[in-house]
């Protein structure tokens, strides 16, 4: 939470594996993906 509040992307990403899979309604909103899913840290970086 503190990393988000500081807007520290690298600190946020340090909490996830390289092969993370994240599903969220915000993925639908921000990325226009109907399944709401991002795959891997590179996609997660863009989303965050």
ModelCIF file with pLDDT and N, C-alpha, C, O atoms, coordinates in Angstrom:
data_MODEL
#
_entry.id   MODEL 
#
_entity.id                         1 
_entity.type                       polymer 
_entity.pdbx_number_of_molecules   1 
#
_entity_poly.entity_id                      1 
_entity_poly.type                           'polypeptide(L)' 
_entity_poly.nstd_linkage                   no 
_entity_poly.nstd_monomer                   no 
_entity_poly.pdbx_seq_one_letter_code       
;(UNK)(UNK)(UNK)(UNK)(UNK)(UNK)(UNK)(UNK)(UNK)(UNK)(UNK)(UNK)(UNK)(UNK)(UNK)(UNK)
(UNK)(UNK)(UNK)(UNK)(UNK)(UNK)(UNK)(UNK)(UNK)(UNK)(UNK)(UNK)(UNK)(UNK)(UNK)(UNK)
(UNK)(UNK)(UNK)(UNK)(UNK)(UNK)(UNK)(UNK)(UNK)(UNK)(UNK)(UNK)(UNK)(UNK)(UNK)(UNK)
;
_entity_poly.pdbx_seq_one_letter_code_can   XXXXXXXXXXXXXXXXXXXXXXXXXXXXXXXXXXXXXXXXXXXXXXXX 
_entity_poly.pdbx_strand_id                 A 
#
loop_
_entity_poly_seq.entity_id 
_entity_poly_seq.num 
_entity_poly_seq.mon_id 
_entity_poly_seq.hetero 
1 1  UNK n 
1 2  UNK n 
1 3  UNK n 
1 4  UNK n 
1 5  UNK n 
1 6  UNK n 
1 7  UNK n 
1 8  UNK n 
1 9  UNK n 
1 10 UNK n 
1 11 UNK n 
1 12 UNK n 
1 13 UNK n 
1 14 UNK n 
1 15 UNK n 
1 16 UNK n 
1 17 UNK n 
1 18 UNK n 
1 19 UNK n 
1 20 UNK n 
1 21 UNK n 
1 22 UNK n 
1 23 UNK n 
1 24 UNK n 
1 25 UNK n 
1 26 UNK n 
1 27 UNK n 
1 28 UNK n 
1 29 UNK n 
1 30 UNK n 
1 31 UNK n 
1 32 UNK n 
1 33 UNK n 
1 34 UNK n 
1 35 UNK n 
1 36 UNK n 
1 37 UNK n 
1 38 UNK n 
1 39 UNK n 
1 40 UNK n 
1 41 UNK n 
1 42 UNK n 
1 43 UNK n 
1 44 UNK n 
1 45 UNK n 
1 46 UNK n 
1 47 UNK n 
1 48 UNK n 
#
_struct_asym.id          A 
_struct_asym.entity_id   1 
#
loop_
_ma_qa_metric.id 
_ma_qa_metric.mode 
_ma_qa_metric.name 
_ma_qa_metric.software_group_id 
_ma_qa_metric.type 
1 global pLDDT . pLDDT 
2 local  pLDDT . pLDDT 
#
_ma_qa_metric_global.metric_id      1 
_ma_qa_metric_global.metric_value   96.85 
_ma_qa_metric_global.model_id       1 
_ma_qa_metric_global.ordinal_id     1 
#
loop_
_ma_qa_metric_local.label_asym_id 
_ma_qa_metric_local.label_comp_id 
_ma_qa_metric_local.label_seq_id 
_ma_qa_metric_local.metric_id 
_ma_qa_metric_local.metric_value 
_ma_qa_metric_local.model_id 
_ma_qa_metric_local.ordinal_id 
A UNK 1  2 98.00 1 1  
A UNK 2  2 98.00 1 2  
A UNK 3  2 98.00 1 3  
A UNK 4  2 98.00 1 4  
A UNK 5  2 97.00 1 5  
A UNK 6  2 97.00 1 6  
A UNK 7  2 97.00 1 7  
A UNK 8  2 98.00 1 8  
A UNK 9  2 98.00 1 9  
A UNK 10 2 98.00 1 10 
A UNK 11 2 98.00 1 11 
A UNK 12 2 98.00 1 12 
A UNK 13 2 98.00 1 13 
A UNK 14 2 98.00 1 14 
A UNK 15 2 98.00 1 15 
A UNK 16 2 98.00 1 16 
A UNK 17 2 98.00 1 17 
A UNK 18 2 98.00 1 18 
A UNK 19 2 98.00 1 19 
A UNK 20 2 98.00 1 20 
A UNK 21 2 98.00 1 21 
A UNK 22 2 98.00 1 22 
A UNK 23 2 98.00 1 23 
A UNK 24 2 97.00 1 24 
A UNK 25 2 95.00 1 25 
A UNK 26 2 94.00 1 26 
A UNK 27 2 96.00 1 27 
A UNK 28 2 95.00 1 28 
A UNK 29 2 91.00 1 29 
A UNK 30 2 91.00 1 30 
A UNK 31 2 93.00 1 31 
A UNK 32 2 94.00 1 32 
A UNK 33 2 95.00 1 33 
A UNK 34 2 96.00 1 34 
A UNK 35 2 97.00 1 35 
A UNK 36 2 97.00 1 36 
A UNK 37 2 98.00 1 37 
A UNK 38 2 98.00 1 38 
A UNK 39 2 98.00 1 39 
A UNK 40 2 98.00 1 40 
A UNK 41 2 98.00 1 41 
A UNK 42 2 97.00 1 42 
A UNK 43 2 97.00 1 43 
A UNK 44 2 98.00 1 44 
A UNK 45 2 97.00 1 45 
A UNK 46 2 95.00 1 46 
A UNK 47 2 96.00 1 47 
A UNK 48 2 97.00 1 48 
#
loop_
_atom_site.group_PDB 
_atom_site.id 
_atom_site.type_symbol 
_atom_site.label_atom_id 
_atom_site.label_alt_id 
_atom_site.label_comp_id 
_atom_site.label_asym_id 
_atom_site.label_entity_id 
_atom_site.label_seq_id 
_atom_site.pdbx_PDB_ins_code 
_atom_site.Cartn_x 
_atom_site.Cartn_y 
_atom_site.Cartn_z 
_atom_site.occupancy 
_atom_site.B_iso_or_equiv 
_atom_site.pdbx_formal_charge 
_atom_site.auth_seq_id 
_atom_site.auth_comp_id 
_atom_site.auth_asym_id 
_atom_site.auth_atom_id 
_atom_site.pdbx_PDB_model_num 
ATOM 1   N N  . UNK A 1 1  ? 0.836   -1.209  0.000   1.00 98.00 ? 1  UNK A N  1 
ATOM 2   C CA . UNK A 1 1  ? 0.000   0.000   0.000   1.00 98.00 ? 1  UNK A CA 1 
ATOM 3   C C  . UNK A 1 1  ? 0.868   1.254   0.000   1.00 98.00 ? 1  UNK A C  1 
ATOM 4   O O  . UNK A 1 1  ? 0.584   2.203   -0.731  1.00 98.00 ? 1  UNK A O  1 
ATOM 5   N N  . UNK A 1 2  ? 1.913   1.267   0.806   1.00 98.00 ? 2  UNK A N  1 
ATOM 6   C CA . UNK A 1 2  ? 2.807   2.429   0.862   1.00 98.00 ? 2  UNK A CA 1 
ATOM 7   C C  . UNK A 1 2  ? 3.505   2.660   -0.478  1.00 98.00 ? 2  UNK A C  1 
ATOM 8   O O  . UNK A 1 2  ? 3.707   3.805   -0.882  1.00 98.00 ? 2  UNK A O  1 
ATOM 9   N N  . UNK A 1 3  ? 3.874   1.581   -1.165  1.00 98.00 ? 3  UNK A N  1 
ATOM 10  C CA . UNK A 1 3  ? 4.499   1.713   -2.490  1.00 98.00 ? 3  UNK A CA 1 
ATOM 11  C C  . UNK A 1 3  ? 3.522   2.365   -3.477  1.00 98.00 ? 3  UNK A C  1 
ATOM 12  O O  . UNK A 1 3  ? 3.918   3.229   -4.260  1.00 98.00 ? 3  UNK A O  1 
ATOM 13  N N  . UNK A 1 4  ? 2.259   1.956   -3.442  1.00 98.00 ? 4  UNK A N  1 
ATOM 14  C CA . UNK A 1 4  ? 1.251   2.594   -4.292  1.00 98.00 ? 4  UNK A CA 1 
ATOM 15  C C  . UNK A 1 4  ? 1.120   4.069   -3.935  1.00 98.00 ? 4  UNK A C  1 
ATOM 16  O O  . UNK A 1 4  ? 1.063   4.922   -4.820  1.00 98.00 ? 4  UNK A O  1 
ATOM 17  N N  . UNK A 1 5  ? 1.071   4.370   -2.647  1.00 97.00 ? 5  UNK A N  1 
ATOM 18  C CA . UNK A 1 5  ? 0.893   5.757   -2.225  1.00 97.00 ? 5  UNK A CA 1 
ATOM 19  C C  . UNK A 1 5  ? 2.090   6.637   -2.599  1.00 97.00 ? 5  UNK A C  1 
ATOM 20  O O  . UNK A 1 5  ? 1.935   7.841   -2.803  1.00 97.00 ? 5  UNK A O  1 
ATOM 21  N N  . UNK A 1 6  ? 3.279   6.041   -2.688  1.00 97.00 ? 6  UNK A N  1 
ATOM 22  C CA . UNK A 1 6  ? 4.478   6.769   -3.140  1.00 97.00 ? 6  UNK A CA 1 
ATOM 23  C C  . UNK A 1 6  ? 4.588   6.801   -4.657  1.00 97.00 ? 6  UNK A C  1 
ATOM 24  O O  . UNK A 1 6  ? 5.411   7.525   -5.215  1.00 97.00 ? 6  UNK A O  1 
ATOM 25  N N  . UNK A 1 7  ? 3.741   6.002   -5.324  1.00 97.00 ? 7  UNK A N  1 
ATOM 26  C CA . UNK A 1 7  ? 3.800   5.836   -6.781  1.00 97.00 ? 7  UNK A CA 1 
ATOM 27  C C  . UNK A 1 7  ? 5.139   5.239   -7.217  1.00 97.00 ? 7  UNK A C  1 
ATOM 28  O O  . UNK A 1 7  ? 5.741   5.668   -8.201  1.00 97.00 ? 7  UNK A O  1 
ATOM 29  N N  . UNK A 1 8  ? 5.587   4.240   -6.458  1.00 98.00 ? 8  UNK A N  1 
ATOM 30  C CA . UNK A 1 8  ? 6.870   3.576   -6.690  1.00 98.00 ? 8  UNK A CA 1 
ATOM 31  C C  . UNK A 1 8  ? 6.620   2.256   -7.417  1.00 98.00 ? 8  UNK A C  1 
ATOM 32  O O  . UNK A 1 8  ? 6.431   1.217   -6.785  1.00 98.00 ? 8  UNK A O  1 
ATOM 33  N N  . UNK A 1 9  ? 6.621   2.306   -8.735  1.00 98.00 ? 9  UNK A N  1 
ATOM 34  C CA . UNK A 1 9  ? 6.272   1.154   -9.554  1.00 98.00 ? 9  UNK A CA 1 
ATOM 35  C C  . UNK A 1 9  ? 7.168   -0.049  -9.276  1.00 98.00 ? 9  UNK A C  1 
ATOM 36  O O  . UNK A 1 9  ? 6.673   -1.172  -9.175  1.00 98.00 ? 9  UNK A O  1 
ATOM 37  N N  . UNK A 1 10 ? 8.473   0.166   -9.150  1.00 98.00 ? 10 UNK A N  1 
ATOM 38  C CA . UNK A 1 10 ? 9.372   -0.974  -8.908  1.00 98.00 ? 10 UNK A CA 1 
ATOM 39  C C  . UNK A 1 10 ? 9.092   -1.640  -7.563  1.00 98.00 ? 10 UNK A C  1 
ATOM 40  O O  . UNK A 1 10 ? 9.136   -2.865  -7.457  1.00 98.00 ? 10 UNK A O  1 
ATOM 41  N N  . UNK A 1 11 ? 8.808   -0.845  -6.543  1.00 98.00 ? 11 UNK A N  1 
ATOM 42  C CA . UNK A 1 11 ? 8.480   -1.409  -5.227  1.00 98.00 ? 11 UNK A CA 1 
ATOM 43  C C  . UNK A 1 11 ? 7.170   -2.188  -5.284  1.00 98.00 ? 11 UNK A C  1 
ATOM 44  O O  . UNK A 1 11 ? 7.042   -3.234  -4.647  1.00 98.00 ? 11 UNK A O  1 
ATOM 45  N N  . UNK A 1 12 ? 6.209   -1.691  -6.035  1.00 98.00 ? 12 UNK A N  1 
ATOM 46  C CA . UNK A 1 12 ? 4.936   -2.414  -6.190  1.00 98.00 ? 12 UNK A CA 1 
ATOM 47  C C  . UNK A 1 12 ? 5.192   -3.760  -6.873  1.00 98.00 ? 12 UNK A C  1 
ATOM 48  O O  . UNK A 1 12 ? 4.742   -4.801  -6.394  1.00 98.00 ? 12 UNK A O  1 
ATOM 49  N N  . UNK A 1 13 ? 5.913   -3.730  -7.986  1.00 98.00 ? 13 UNK A N  1 
ATOM 50  C CA . UNK A 1 13 ? 6.166   -4.937  -8.764  1.00 98.00 ? 13 UNK A CA 1 
ATOM 51  C C  . UNK A 1 13 ? 6.998   -5.969  -8.006  1.00 98.00 ? 13 UNK A C  1 
ATOM 52  O O  . UNK A 1 13 ? 6.940   -7.157  -8.322  1.00 98.00 ? 13 UNK A O  1 
ATOM 53  N N  . UNK A 1 14 ? 7.764   -5.539  -7.022  1.00 98.00 ? 14 UNK A N  1 
ATOM 54  C CA . UNK A 1 14 ? 8.593   -6.473  -6.249  1.00 98.00 ? 14 UNK A CA 1 
ATOM 55  C C  . UNK A 1 14 ? 7.758   -7.473  -5.465  1.00 98.00 ? 14 UNK A C  1 
ATOM 56  O O  . UNK A 1 14 ? 8.296   -8.459  -4.960  1.00 98.00 ? 14 UNK A O  1 
ATOM 57  N N  . UNK A 1 15 ? 6.467   -7.242  -5.355  1.00 98.00 ? 15 UNK A N  1 
ATOM 58  C CA . UNK A 1 15 ? 5.567   -8.132  -4.619  1.00 98.00 ? 15 UNK A CA 1 
ATOM 59  C C  . UNK A 1 15 ? 5.010   -9.262  -5.484  1.00 98.00 ? 15 UNK A C  1 
ATOM 60  O O  . UNK A 1 15 ? 4.213   -10.067 -5.003  1.00 98.00 ? 15 UNK A O  1 
ATOM 61  N N  . UNK A 1 16 ? 5.417   -9.333  -6.753  1.00 98.00 ? 16 UNK A N  1 
ATOM 62  C CA . UNK A 1 16 ? 4.840   -10.288 -7.691  1.00 98.00 ? 16 UNK A CA 1 
ATOM 63  C C  . UNK A 1 16 ? 5.910   -11.152 -8.355  1.00 98.00 ? 16 UNK A C  1 
ATOM 64  O O  . UNK A 1 16 ? 7.056   -10.731 -8.515  1.00 98.00 ? 16 UNK A O  1 
ATOM 65  N N  . UNK A 1 17 ? 5.516   -12.364 -8.738  1.00 98.00 ? 17 UNK A N  1 
ATOM 66  C CA . UNK A 1 17 ? 6.405   -13.248 -9.488  1.00 98.00 ? 17 UNK A CA 1 
ATOM 67  C C  . UNK A 1 17 ? 6.480   -12.775 -10.939 1.00 98.00 ? 17 UNK A C  1 
ATOM 68  O O  . UNK A 1 17 ? 5.636   -12.003 -11.394 1.00 98.00 ? 17 UNK A O  1 
ATOM 69  N N  . UNK A 1 18 ? 7.493   -13.243 -11.654 1.00 98.00 ? 18 UNK A N  1 
ATOM 70  C CA . UNK A 1 18 ? 7.634   -12.874 -13.068 1.00 98.00 ? 18 UNK A CA 1 
ATOM 71  C C  . UNK A 1 18 ? 6.482   -13.399 -13.919 1.00 98.00 ? 18 UNK A C  1 
ATOM 72  O O  . UNK A 1 18 ? 6.115   -12.790 -14.923 1.00 98.00 ? 18 UNK A O  1 
ATOM 73  N N  . UNK A 1 19 ? 5.912   -14.543 -13.505 1.00 98.00 ? 19 UNK A N  1 
ATOM 74  C CA . UNK A 1 19 ? 4.828   -15.160 -14.284 1.00 98.00 ? 19 UNK A CA 1 
ATOM 75  C C  . UNK A 1 19 ? 3.445   -14.910 -13.671 1.00 98.00 ? 19 UNK A C  1 
ATOM 76  O O  . UNK A 1 19 ? 2.523   -15.702 -13.867 1.00 98.00 ? 19 UNK A O  1 
ATOM 77  N N  . UNK A 1 20 ? 3.307   -13.824 -12.940 1.00 98.00 ? 20 UNK A N  1 
ATOM 78  C CA . UNK A 1 20 ? 2.049   -13.486 -12.277 1.00 98.00 ? 20 UNK A CA 1 
ATOM 79  C C  . UNK A 1 20 ? 0.887   -13.447 -13.267 1.00 98.00 ? 20 UNK A C  1 
ATOM 80  O O  . UNK A 1 20 ? 1.048   -13.088 -14.433 1.00 98.00 ? 20 UNK A O  1 
ATOM 81  N N  . UNK A 1 21 ? -0.285  -13.826 -12.767 1.00 98.00 ? 21 UNK A N  1 
ATOM 82  C CA . UNK A 1 21 ? -1.538  -13.680 -13.512 1.00 98.00 ? 21 UNK A CA 1 
ATOM 83  C C  . UNK A 1 21 ? -2.480  -12.903 -12.607 1.00 98.00 ? 21 UNK A C  1 
ATOM 84  O O  . UNK A 1 21 ? -2.785  -13.344 -11.498 1.00 98.00 ? 21 UNK A O  1 
ATOM 85  N N  . UNK A 1 22 ? -2.942  -11.747 -13.076 1.00 98.00 ? 22 UNK A N  1 
ATOM 86  C CA . UNK A 1 22 ? -3.822  -10.893 -12.294 1.00 98.00 ? 22 UNK A CA 1 
ATOM 87  C C  . UNK A 1 22 ? -5.110  -10.657 -13.057 1.00 98.00 ? 22 UNK A C  1 
ATOM 88  O O  . UNK A 1 22 ? -5.094  -10.339 -14.246 1.00 98.00 ? 22 UNK A O  1 
ATOM 89  N N  . UNK A 1 23 ? -6.238  -10.816 -12.356 1.00 98.00 ? 23 UNK A N  1 
ATOM 90  C CA . UNK A 1 23 ? -7.550  -10.587 -12.941 1.00 98.00 ? 23 UNK A CA 1 
ATOM 91  C C  . UNK A 1 23 ? -8.261  -9.522  -12.120 1.00 98.00 ? 23 UNK A C  1 
ATOM 92  O O  . UNK A 1 23 ? -8.350  -9.619  -10.896 1.00 98.00 ? 23 UNK A O  1 
ATOM 93  N N  . UNK A 1 24 ? -8.768  -8.501  -12.814 1.00 97.00 ? 24 UNK A N  1 
ATOM 94  C CA . UNK A 1 24 ? -9.405  -7.376  -12.128 1.00 97.00 ? 24 UNK A CA 1 
ATOM 95  C C  . UNK A 1 24 ? -10.393 -6.676  -13.054 1.00 97.00 ? 24 UNK A C  1 
ATOM 96  O O  . UNK A 1 24 ? -10.172 -6.610  -14.263 1.00 97.00 ? 24 UNK A O  1 
ATOM 97  N N  . UNK A 1 25 ? -11.482 -6.154  -12.492 1.00 95.00 ? 25 UNK A N  1 
ATOM 98  C CA . UNK A 1 25 ? -12.387 -5.338  -13.304 1.00 95.00 ? 25 UNK A CA 1 
ATOM 99  C C  . UNK A 1 25 ? -11.693 -4.101  -13.880 1.00 95.00 ? 25 UNK A C  1 
ATOM 100 O O  . UNK A 1 25 ? -12.102 -3.586  -14.921 1.00 95.00 ? 25 UNK A O  1 
ATOM 101 N N  . UNK A 1 26 ? -10.653 -3.631  -13.210 1.00 94.00 ? 26 UNK A N  1 
ATOM 102 C CA . UNK A 1 26 ? -9.927  -2.466  -13.711 1.00 94.00 ? 26 UNK A CA 1 
ATOM 103 C C  . UNK A 1 26 ? -9.126  -2.791  -14.965 1.00 94.00 ? 26 UNK A C  1 
ATOM 104 O O  . UNK A 1 26 ? -8.840  -1.890  -15.755 1.00 94.00 ? 26 UNK A O  1 
ATOM 105 N N  . UNK A 1 27 ? -8.757  -4.050  -15.169 1.00 96.00 ? 27 UNK A N  1 
ATOM 106 C CA . UNK A 1 27 ? -8.083  -4.442  -16.406 1.00 96.00 ? 27 UNK A CA 1 
ATOM 107 C C  . UNK A 1 27 ? -9.056  -4.276  -17.577 1.00 96.00 ? 27 UNK A C  1 
ATOM 108 O O  . UNK A 1 27 ? -8.672  -3.828  -18.657 1.00 96.00 ? 27 UNK A O  1 
ATOM 109 N N  . UNK A 1 28 ? -10.304 -4.640  -17.348 1.00 95.00 ? 28 UNK A N  1 
ATOM 110 C CA . UNK A 1 28 ? -11.324 -4.450  -18.384 1.00 95.00 ? 28 UNK A CA 1 
ATOM 111 C C  . UNK A 1 28 ? -11.425 -2.965  -18.714 1.00 95.00 ? 28 UNK A C  1 
ATOM 112 O O  . UNK A 1 28 ? -11.437 -2.583  -19.884 1.00 95.00 ? 28 UNK A O  1 
ATOM 113 N N  . UNK A 1 29 ? -11.496 -2.135  -17.686 1.00 91.00 ? 29 UNK A N  1 
ATOM 114 C CA . UNK A 1 29 ? -11.663 -0.690  -17.870 1.00 91.00 ? 29 UNK A CA 1 
ATOM 115 C C  . UNK A 1 29 ? -10.428 -0.047  -18.504 1.00 91.00 ? 29 UNK A C  1 
ATOM 116 O O  . UNK A 1 29 ? -10.550 0.703   -19.473 1.00 91.00 ? 29 UNK A O  1 
ATOM 117 N N  . UNK A 1 30 ? -9.244  -0.334  -17.965 1.00 91.00 ? 30 UNK A N  1 
ATOM 118 C CA . UNK A 1 30 ? -8.030  0.356   -18.422 1.00 91.00 ? 30 UNK A CA 1 
ATOM 119 C C  . UNK A 1 30 ? -7.471  -0.191  -19.728 1.00 91.00 ? 30 UNK A C  1 
ATOM 120 O O  . UNK A 1 30 ? -6.977  0.565   -20.564 1.00 91.00 ? 30 UNK A O  1 
ATOM 121 N N  . UNK A 1 31 ? -7.552  -1.514  -19.901 1.00 93.00 ? 31 UNK A N  1 
ATOM 122 C CA . UNK A 1 31 ? -6.929  -2.134  -21.072 1.00 93.00 ? 31 UNK A CA 1 
ATOM 123 C C  . UNK A 1 31 ? -7.931  -2.647  -22.091 1.00 93.00 ? 31 UNK A C  1 
ATOM 124 O O  . UNK A 1 31 ? -7.546  -3.068  -23.182 1.00 93.00 ? 31 UNK A O  1 
ATOM 125 N N  . UNK A 1 32 ? -9.207  -2.617  -21.748 1.00 94.00 ? 32 UNK A N  1 
ATOM 126 C CA . UNK A 1 32 ? -10.235 -3.078  -22.675 1.00 94.00 ? 32 UNK A CA 1 
ATOM 127 C C  . UNK A 1 32 ? -10.223 -4.571  -22.918 1.00 94.00 ? 32 UNK A C  1 
ATOM 128 O O  . UNK A 1 32 ? -10.682 -5.033  -23.963 1.00 94.00 ? 32 UNK A O  1 
ATOM 129 N N  . UNK A 1 33 ? -9.706  -5.332  -21.973 1.00 95.00 ? 33 UNK A N  1 
ATOM 130 C CA . UNK A 1 33 ? -9.660  -6.790  -22.107 1.00 95.00 ? 33 UNK A CA 1 
ATOM 131 C C  . UNK A 1 33 ? -10.899 -7.394  -21.460 1.00 95.00 ? 33 UNK A C  1 
ATOM 132 O O  . UNK A 1 33 ? -11.079 -7.282  -20.247 1.00 95.00 ? 33 UNK A O  1 
ATOM 133 N N  . UNK A 1 34 ? -11.751 -8.029  -22.248 1.00 96.00 ? 34 UNK A N  1 
ATOM 134 C CA . UNK A 1 34 ? -12.992 -8.579  -21.695 1.00 96.00 ? 34 UNK A CA 1 
ATOM 135 C C  . UNK A 1 34 ? -12.776 -9.606  -20.572 1.00 96.00 ? 34 UNK A C  1 
ATOM 136 O O  . UNK A 1 34 ? -13.610 -9.716  -19.673 1.00 96.00 ? 34 UNK A O  1 
ATOM 137 N N  . UNK A 1 35 ? -11.665 -10.358 -20.616 1.00 97.00 ? 35 UNK A N  1 
ATOM 138 C CA . UNK A 1 35 ? -11.432 -11.357 -19.570 1.00 97.00 ? 35 UNK A CA 1 
ATOM 139 C C  . UNK A 1 35 ? -10.810 -10.750 -18.317 1.00 97.00 ? 35 UNK A C  1 
ATOM 140 O O  . UNK A 1 35 ? -10.687 -11.432 -17.299 1.00 97.00 ? 35 UNK A O  1 
ATOM 141 N N  . UNK A 1 36 ? -10.416 -9.476  -18.377 1.00 97.00 ? 36 UNK A N  1 
ATOM 142 C CA . UNK A 1 36 ? -9.896  -8.775  -17.218 1.00 97.00 ? 36 UNK A CA 1 
ATOM 143 C C  . UNK A 1 36 ? -8.572  -9.287  -16.690 1.00 97.00 ? 36 UNK A C  1 
ATOM 144 O O  . UNK A 1 36 ? -8.274  -9.121  -15.507 1.00 97.00 ? 36 UNK A O  1 
ATOM 145 N N  . UNK A 1 37 ? -7.773  -9.906  -17.543 1.00 98.00 ? 37 UNK A N  1 
ATOM 146 C CA . UNK A 1 37 ? -6.563  -10.581 -17.072 1.00 98.00 ? 37 UNK A CA 1 
ATOM 147 C C  . UNK A 1 37 ? -5.306  -10.052 -17.745 1.00 98.00 ? 37 UNK A C  1 
ATOM 148 O O  . UNK A 1 37 ? -5.278  -9.809  -18.951 1.00 98.00 ? 37 UNK A O  1 
ATOM 149 N N  . UNK A 1 38 ? -4.255  -9.877  -16.927 1.00 98.00 ? 38 UNK A N  1 
ATOM 150 C CA . UNK A 1 38 ? -2.916  -9.604  -17.440 1.00 98.00 ? 38 UNK A CA 1 
ATOM 151 C C  . UNK A 1 38 ? -2.031  -10.790 -17.069 1.00 98.00 ? 38 UNK A C  1 
ATOM 152 O O  . UNK A 1 38 ? -2.208  -11.407 -16.019 1.00 98.00 ? 38 UNK A O  1 
ATOM 153 N N  . UNK A 1 39 ? -1.077  -11.097 -17.947 1.00 98.00 ? 39 UNK A N  1 
ATOM 154 C CA . UNK A 1 39 ? -0.194  -12.253 -17.777 1.00 98.00 ? 39 UNK A CA 1 
ATOM 155 C C  . UNK A 1 39 ? 1.253   -11.785 -17.755 1.00 98.00 ? 39 UNK A C  1 
ATOM 156 O O  . UNK A 1 39 ? 1.724   -11.169 -18.711 1.00 98.00 ? 39 UNK A O  1 
ATOM 157 N N  . UNK A 1 40 ? 1.953   -12.073 -16.676 1.00 98.00 ? 40 UNK A N  1 
ATOM 158 C CA . UNK A 1 40 ? 3.374   -11.776 -16.593 1.00 98.00 ? 40 UNK A CA 1 
ATOM 159 C C  . UNK A 1 40 ? 3.658   -10.366 -16.103 1.00 98.00 ? 40 UNK A C  1 
ATOM 160 O O  . UNK A 1 40 ? 2.810   -9.476  -16.167 1.00 98.00 ? 40 UNK A O  1 
ATOM 161 N N  . UNK A 1 41 ? 4.867   -10.196 -15.618 1.00 98.00 ? 41 UNK A N  1 
ATOM 162 C CA . UNK A 1 41 ? 5.256   -8.924  -15.007 1.00 98.00 ? 41 UNK A CA 1 
ATOM 163 C C  . UNK A 1 41 ? 5.336   -7.786  -16.017 1.00 98.00 ? 41 UNK A C  1 
ATOM 164 O O  . UNK A 1 41 ? 5.091   -6.636  -15.652 1.00 98.00 ? 41 UNK A O  1 
ATOM 165 N N  . UNK A 1 42 ? 5.670   -8.067  -17.268 1.00 97.00 ? 42 UNK A N  1 
ATOM 166 C CA . UNK A 1 42 ? 5.737   -6.993  -18.272 1.00 97.00 ? 42 UNK A CA 1 
ATOM 167 C C  . UNK A 1 42 ? 4.352   -6.381  -18.495 1.00 97.00 ? 42 UNK A C  1 
ATOM 168 O O  . UNK A 1 42 ? 4.218   -5.157  -18.532 1.00 97.00 ? 42 UNK A O  1 
ATOM 169 N N  . UNK A 1 43 ? 3.333   -7.212  -18.641 1.00 97.00 ? 43 UNK A N  1 
ATOM 170 C CA . UNK A 1 43 ? 1.969   -6.695  -18.797 1.00 97.00 ? 43 UNK A CA 1 
ATOM 171 C C  . UNK A 1 43 ? 1.497   -6.023  -17.518 1.00 97.00 ? 43 UNK A C  1 
ATOM 172 O O  . UNK A 1 43 ? 0.809   -5.003  -17.563 1.00 97.00 ? 43 UNK A O  1 
ATOM 173 N N  . UNK A 1 44 ? 1.867   -6.600  -16.372 1.00 98.00 ? 44 UNK A N  1 
ATOM 174 C CA . UNK A 1 44 ? 1.483   -6.015  -15.092 1.00 98.00 ? 44 UNK A CA 1 
ATOM 175 C C  . UNK A 1 44 ? 2.091   -4.630  -14.936 1.00 98.00 ? 44 UNK A C  1 
ATOM 176 O O  . UNK A 1 44 ? 1.438   -3.718  -14.429 1.00 98.00 ? 44 UNK A O  1 
ATOM 177 N N  . UNK A 1 45 ? 3.336   -4.466  -15.368 1.00 97.00 ? 45 UNK A N  1 
ATOM 178 C CA . UNK A 1 45 ? 4.013   -3.160  -15.306 1.00 97.00 ? 45 UNK A CA 1 
ATOM 179 C C  . UNK A 1 45 ? 3.210   -2.116  -16.087 1.00 97.00 ? 45 UNK A C  1 
ATOM 180 O O  . UNK A 1 45 ? 2.963   -1.022  -15.578 1.00 97.00 ? 45 UNK A O  1 
ATOM 181 N N  . UNK A 1 46 ? 2.804   -2.440  -17.305 1.00 95.00 ? 46 UNK A N  1 
ATOM 182 C CA . UNK A 1 46 ? 2.033   -1.508  -18.127 1.00 95.00 ? 46 UNK A CA 1 
ATOM 183 C C  . UNK A 1 46 ? 0.699   -1.177  -17.462 1.00 95.00 ? 46 UNK A C  1 
ATOM 184 O O  . UNK A 1 46 ? 0.299   -0.014  -17.405 1.00 95.00 ? 46 UNK A O  1 
ATOM 185 N N  . UNK A 1 47 ? 0.026   -2.188  -16.968 1.00 96.00 ? 47 UNK A N  1 
ATOM 186 C CA . UNK A 1 47 ? -1.271  -1.998  -16.312 1.00 96.00 ? 47 UNK A CA 1 
ATOM 187 C C  . UNK A 1 47 ? -1.132  -1.120  -15.069 1.00 96.00 ? 47 UNK A C  1 
ATOM 188 O O  . UNK A 1 47 ? -1.901  -0.175  -14.893 1.00 96.00 ? 47 UNK A O  1 
ATOM 189 N N  . UNK A 1 48 ? -0.164  -1.420  -14.209 1.00 97.00 ? 48 UNK A N  1 
ATOM 190 C CA . UNK A 1 48 ? 0.023   -0.636  -12.993 1.00 97.00 ? 48 UNK A CA 1 
ATOM 191 C C  . UNK A 1 48 ? 0.490   0.781   -13.305 1.00 97.00 ? 48 UNK A C  1 
ATOM 192 O O  . UNK A 1 48 ? 0.696   1.578   -12.390 1.00 97.00 ? 48 UNK A O  1 
#
